[in-house]
Amino acid sequence: MKLPDMFDLTDQVAIVTGGATHLGKAMATGLAELGATTIIASRRRQLCEDVAAEMRSKGLNCTGLQCDATSEGEVRTLINDVVSQFGQLNVMVCNAGGVAVPATYIPNGDVEEFTATLDINVRGTYLCANEAAKVMVPQASGAIITIGSIHGSLTNDKRFYEGLSFNRGGSAYQTAKAGIINFTRYLAMELGEHGITANCISPGQIPKPGTEPIFLERAARLNALSRNGVADDLKGAVALLASPAGSWITGQNVIVDGGWSIW
């Protein structure tokens, strides 16, 4: 197979949860640009429908469907509806989450905040991966991609945030992302015999629009490449892990951070 053909996702069906904004939107766009029929799933029905319509206007094959990734019933309905309409599910990007409720810090931690953050991040990833596997095992093929963070492998430095209004993640966010990374290794072990790959993408600092300038300057200075990430920086990683080009890669945590974690 020639290299361009190895990245071709024509006739493949992909779901991206949290696919209507920021990192999820970039990854959904990338999969659609490679030819996949891409389903953008979001809690906000109108938003995901609007984003899908925007992509269709650019010639991409996209559909928007409402789904709260922390609801077992809604995740099951989403995947059943996709398989019913398109006949298969080849790529599941478990992106919904990625946030922490306003953090508290030990020794003044709040257990409700801790459990809520785990619910948003870990529960949603688990439900989406589990339901996707129910379809992929009989197919004997598929790619499950989870989203971690550099803070799932190393903690944050609170000195970096001095003088910023930006809310750094606390113990819950870092615990959740670390859990997702190792859960992905478990998926690779459990599902490999069925021809299913499972990998995690761990982004570094990819600020949202409106992030305060001092944060942007500090973050860029601490990256080996001396710039902040942008959402499109995840397109290459998701393309590799979703396509035949990545068919011999499983159980890995792919860090996309501009070199933040090398020192």
Protein backbone atom coordinates (compact mmCIF):
# COMPACT_ATOMS: atom_id res chain seq x y z
CA MET A 1 0.00 0.00 0.00
CA LYS A 2 1.39 3.42 -0.95
CA LEU A 3 1.73 5.94 1.87
CA PRO A 4 -1.06 8.29 0.72
CA ASP A 5 -3.42 5.31 0.57
CA MET A 6 -2.49 4.34 4.13
CA PHE A 7 -4.08 7.57 5.39
CA ASP A 8 -7.22 7.23 3.28
CA LEU A 9 -10.38 6.91 5.41
CA THR A 10 -12.85 6.74 2.55
CA ASP A 11 -15.76 4.42 3.43
CA GLN A 12 -14.82 4.59 7.12
CA VAL A 13 -17.17 5.86 9.82
CA ALA A 14 -15.83 7.89 12.74
CA ILE A 15 -17.39 9.40 15.85
CA VAL A 16 -15.77 12.28 17.73
CA THR A 17 -17.38 13.09 21.05
CA GLY A 18 -16.97 16.70 22.09
CA GLY A 19 -16.42 17.25 18.39
CA ALA A 20 -18.05 20.65 18.06
CA THR A 21 -15.38 22.79 19.71
CA HIS A 22 -11.62 23.36 19.96
CA LEU A 23 -9.59 20.12 19.89
CA GLY A 24 -12.55 17.91 19.03
CA LYS A 25 -13.56 20.08 16.09
CA ALA A 26 -10.02 20.00 14.69
CA MET A 27 -9.79 16.21 14.98
CA ALA A 28 -13.25 15.73 13.45
CA THR A 29 -12.28 17.99 10.57
CA GLY A 30 -9.06 16.07 10.01
CA LEU A 31 -10.84 12.71 9.85
CA ALA A 32 -13.42 14.12 7.45
CA GLU A 33 -10.68 15.62 5.28
CA LEU A 34 -9.27 12.09 4.92
CA GLY A 35 -12.62 10.90 3.62
CA ALA A 36 -14.32 9.49 6.72
CA THR A 37 -18.01 9.89 7.33
CA THR A 38 -17.63 11.81 10.56
CA ILE A 39 -20.20 12.14 13.32
CA ILE A 40 -19.79 15.11 15.62
CA ALA A 41 -21.36 14.32 18.97
CA SER A 42 -22.00 16.97 21.60
CA ARG A 43 -24.28 17.69 24.53
CA ARG A 44 -25.38 20.83 22.70
CA ARG A 45 -27.49 19.57 19.82
CA GLN A 46 -27.71 22.84 17.92
CA LEU A 47 -23.99 23.50 18.15
CA CYS A 48 -22.96 20.11 16.79
CA GLU A 49 -25.55 20.38 14.01
CA ASP A 50 -24.26 23.85 13.11
CA VAL A 51 -20.64 22.67 13.03
CA ALA A 52 -21.57 19.67 10.90
CA ALA A 53 -23.40 21.96 8.49
CA GLU A 54 -20.33 24.21 8.33
CA MET A 55 -18.18 21.21 7.43
CA ARG A 56 -20.65 19.99 4.81
CA SER A 57 -20.47 23.42 3.18
CA LYS A 58 -16.77 22.69 2.66
CA GLY A 59 -17.49 19.37 0.98
CA LEU A 60 -16.91 17.17 4.03
CA ASN A 61 -19.22 14.31 4.99
CA CYS A 62 -20.32 15.21 8.52
CA THR A 63 -23.36 14.67 10.70
CA GLY A 64 -24.12 16.24 14.07
CA LEU A 65 -25.80 14.15 16.79
CA GLN A 66 -26.60 15.06 20.38
CA CYS A 67 -24.95 12.98 23.10
CA ASP A 68 -23.91 13.47 26.69
CA ALA A 69 -20.86 11.21 26.93
CA THR A 70 -21.39 10.69 30.66
CA SER A 71 -24.83 9.15 30.07
CA GLU A 72 -24.71 5.41 29.39
CA GLY A 73 -28.09 5.52 27.67
CA GLU A 74 -27.18 8.41 25.40
CA VAL A 75 -23.85 6.88 24.42
CA ARG A 76 -25.52 3.57 23.59
CA THR A 77 -28.20 5.38 21.55
CA LEU A 78 -25.55 7.39 19.69
CA ILE A 79 -23.59 4.33 18.64
CA ASN A 80 -26.67 2.29 17.80
CA ASP A 81 -28.01 5.16 15.65
CA VAL A 82 -24.70 5.50 13.83
CA VAL A 83 -24.44 1.78 13.11
CA SER A 84 -28.09 1.67 12.06
CA GLN A 85 -27.59 4.55 9.61
CA PHE A 86 -24.09 3.81 8.31
CA GLY A 87 -23.69 0.08 8.92
CA GLN A 88 -20.41 0.19 10.83
CA LEU A 89 -18.18 2.09 13.24
CA ASN A 90 -14.47 2.18 12.47
CA VAL A 91 -13.06 5.00 14.59
CA MET A 92 -14.14 6.15 18.04
CA VAL A 93 -12.48 9.30 19.38
CA CYS A 94 -13.36 9.61 23.07
CA ASN A 95 -12.71 13.34 23.34
CA ALA A 96 -15.61 14.65 25.44
CA GLY A 97 -14.39 15.87 28.79
CA GLY A 98 -10.99 17.50 29.03
CA VAL A 99 -12.17 19.91 31.68
CA ALA A 100 -12.16 20.25 35.41
CA VAL A 101 -14.79 21.89 37.52
CA PRO A 102 -13.28 24.85 39.45
CA ALA A 103 -10.39 23.20 41.23
CA THR A 104 -9.57 23.05 44.90
CA TYR A 105 -6.12 22.20 46.12
CA ILE A 106 -4.92 19.83 48.81
CA PRO A 107 -5.00 20.16 51.82
CA ASN A 108 -8.21 22.08 51.16
CA GLY A 109 -9.54 19.73 48.50
CA ASP A 110 -13.21 19.13 47.86
CA VAL A 111 -14.18 15.50 47.32
CA GLU A 112 -17.25 16.54 45.33
CA GLU A 113 -15.04 18.44 42.91
CA PHE A 114 -12.74 15.42 42.71
CA THR A 115 -15.50 12.96 41.87
CA ALA A 116 -17.23 15.36 39.45
CA THR A 117 -14.03 15.82 37.46
CA LEU A 118 -13.45 12.06 37.31
CA ASP A 119 -17.02 11.62 36.12
CA ILE A 120 -16.65 14.17 33.32
CA ASN A 121 -13.39 12.73 32.06
CA VAL A 122 -13.03 9.06 32.99
CA ARG A 123 -16.66 7.93 32.97
CA GLY A 124 -17.28 9.40 29.52
CA THR A 125 -14.15 7.80 28.08
CA TYR A 126 -15.05 4.44 29.58
CA LEU A 127 -18.64 4.50 28.32
CA CYS A 128 -17.69 5.52 24.78
CA ALA A 129 -14.89 2.96 24.50
CA ASN A 130 -17.02 0.16 25.95
CA GLU A 131 -19.97 0.78 23.65
CA ALA A 132 -17.73 1.19 20.61
CA ALA A 133 -16.02 -2.11 21.40
CA LYS A 134 -19.39 -3.88 21.28
CA VAL A 135 -19.56 -2.95 17.59
CA MET A 136 -15.89 -3.33 16.73
CA VAL A 137 -15.36 -6.81 18.19
CA PRO A 138 -17.83 -8.47 15.78
CA GLN A 139 -16.27 -6.43 12.95
CA ALA A 140 -12.80 -7.67 14.02
CA SER A 141 -11.46 -4.19 13.37
CA GLY A 142 -11.53 -0.64 14.65
CA ALA A 143 -9.55 2.15 16.28
CA ILE A 144 -10.34 3.65 19.67
CA ILE A 145 -8.59 6.92 20.46
CA THR A 146 -8.72 8.50 23.91
CA ILE A 147 -7.60 11.97 24.93
CA GLY A 148 -5.25 12.39 27.84
CA SER A 149 -3.00 15.32 28.69
CA ILE A 150 0.62 15.97 29.50
CA HIS A 151 -0.72 16.37 33.03
CA GLY A 152 -1.62 12.70 33.00
CA SER A 153 2.10 11.92 32.91
CA LEU A 154 3.57 14.84 34.86
CA THR A 155 2.07 17.30 37.28
CA ASN A 156 1.75 21.04 36.70
CA ASP A 157 4.08 23.60 38.25
CA LYS A 158 2.03 26.00 40.31
CA ARG A 159 4.75 28.63 39.96
CA PHE A 160 3.86 28.88 36.28
CA TYR A 161 0.39 30.15 37.19
CA GLU A 162 1.45 32.88 39.60
CA GLY A 163 -0.24 36.16 38.70
CA LEU A 164 -2.57 34.51 36.18
CA SER A 165 -6.34 34.34 36.32
CA PHE A 166 -6.14 30.98 34.54
CA ASN A 167 -7.44 28.18 36.75
CA ARG A 168 -4.83 25.42 36.93
CA GLY A 169 -6.08 21.87 37.27
CA GLY A 170 -5.98 20.28 40.69
CA SER A 171 -5.52 16.70 41.82
CA ALA A 172 -8.73 15.52 40.15
CA TYR A 173 -7.83 16.55 36.60
CA GLN A 174 -4.38 15.02 36.77
CA THR A 175 -5.72 11.83 38.32
CA ALA A 176 -8.39 11.59 35.63
CA LYS A 177 -5.96 12.03 32.75
CA ALA A 178 -3.49 9.55 34.22
CA GLY A 179 -6.34 7.08 34.54
CA ILE A 180 -7.31 7.55 30.90
CA ILE A 181 -3.76 6.82 29.76
CA ASN A 182 -3.59 3.52 31.61
CA PHE A 183 -7.18 2.64 30.71
CA THR A 184 -6.08 2.94 27.09
CA ARG A 185 -3.29 0.43 27.67
CA TYR A 186 -5.88 -1.90 29.16
CA LEU A 187 -8.09 -1.48 26.08
CA ALA A 188 -5.16 -2.35 23.81
CA MET A 189 -4.51 -5.52 25.80
CA GLU A 190 -8.15 -6.58 25.94
CA LEU A 191 -9.12 -5.79 22.35
CA GLY A 192 -5.95 -6.48 20.39
CA GLU A 193 -6.91 -10.05 19.62
CA HIS A 194 -9.97 -8.69 17.83
CA GLY A 195 -7.94 -6.49 15.51
CA ILE A 196 -8.79 -3.29 17.41
CA THR A 197 -6.16 -0.69 18.24
CA ALA A 198 -6.41 1.64 21.24
CA ASN A 199 -4.19 4.67 21.71
CA CYS A 200 -4.18 7.90 23.69
CA ILE A 201 -3.29 11.39 22.46
CA SER A 202 -1.94 13.65 25.21
CA PRO A 203 -1.92 17.30 24.15
CA GLY A 204 0.26 19.95 25.70
CA GLN A 205 -0.62 23.62 25.97
CA ILE A 206 -3.17 24.36 23.23
CA PRO A 207 -4.85 27.53 24.47
CA LYS A 208 -8.38 28.47 23.57
CA PRO A 209 -9.10 31.84 21.94
CA GLY A 210 -9.17 34.62 24.50
CA THR A 211 -6.46 33.17 26.74
CA GLU A 212 -4.60 35.99 28.48
CA PRO A 213 -1.40 37.13 26.73
CA ILE A 214 0.92 36.50 29.71
CA PHE A 215 -0.14 32.85 29.76
CA LEU A 216 0.55 32.54 26.04
CA GLU A 217 3.99 34.12 26.42
CA ARG A 218 4.97 31.90 29.36
CA ALA A 219 3.73 28.71 27.73
CA ALA A 220 5.50 29.40 24.43
CA ARG A 221 8.76 30.14 26.24
CA LEU A 222 8.66 26.76 28.00
CA ASN A 223 8.11 24.73 24.82
CA ALA A 224 11.14 23.44 22.91
CA LEU A 225 9.56 24.76 19.71
CA SER A 226 8.96 28.19 21.30
CA ARG A 227 5.32 28.42 20.32
CA ASN A 228 1.96 27.44 21.67
CA GLY A 229 0.02 24.63 20.10
CA VAL A 230 -3.06 25.15 17.97
CA ALA A 231 -5.95 22.74 17.63
CA ASP A 232 -4.87 21.66 14.14
CA ASP A 233 -1.64 20.29 15.66
CA LEU A 234 -3.70 17.24 16.68
CA LYS A 235 -4.79 16.44 13.13
CA GLY A 236 -1.64 14.50 12.31
CA ALA A 237 -1.77 12.36 15.42
CA VAL A 238 -5.43 11.46 15.04
CA ALA A 239 -4.92 10.73 11.33
CA LEU A 240 -2.10 8.31 12.11
CA LEU A 241 -3.93 6.47 14.88
CA ALA A 242 -7.26 6.27 13.02
CA SER A 243 -5.92 5.08 9.68
CA PRO A 244 -4.17 1.99 8.30
CA ALA A 245 -0.93 3.92 8.69
CA GLY A 246 -1.20 3.29 12.42
CA SER A 247 -2.41 -0.30 12.29
CA TRP A 248 0.74 -1.59 14.09
CA ILE A 249 0.49 1.01 16.86
CA THR A 250 -1.53 0.18 19.96
CA GLY A 251 -1.44 0.86 23.68
CA GLN A 252 0.59 4.02 23.23
CA ASN A 253 0.37 7.49 24.75
CA VAL A 254 1.24 9.91 21.95
CA ILE A 255 2.36 13.20 23.48
CA VAL A 256 1.77 16.25 21.27
CA ASP A 257 3.21 19.13 23.28
CA GLY A 258 5.86 21.00 21.30
CA GLY A 259 8.53 19.57 23.59
CA TRP A 260 7.04 20.80 26.87
CA SER A 261 7.71 17.48 28.59
CA ILE A 262 11.32 16.92 27.50
CA TRP A 263 12.72 18.81 30.49
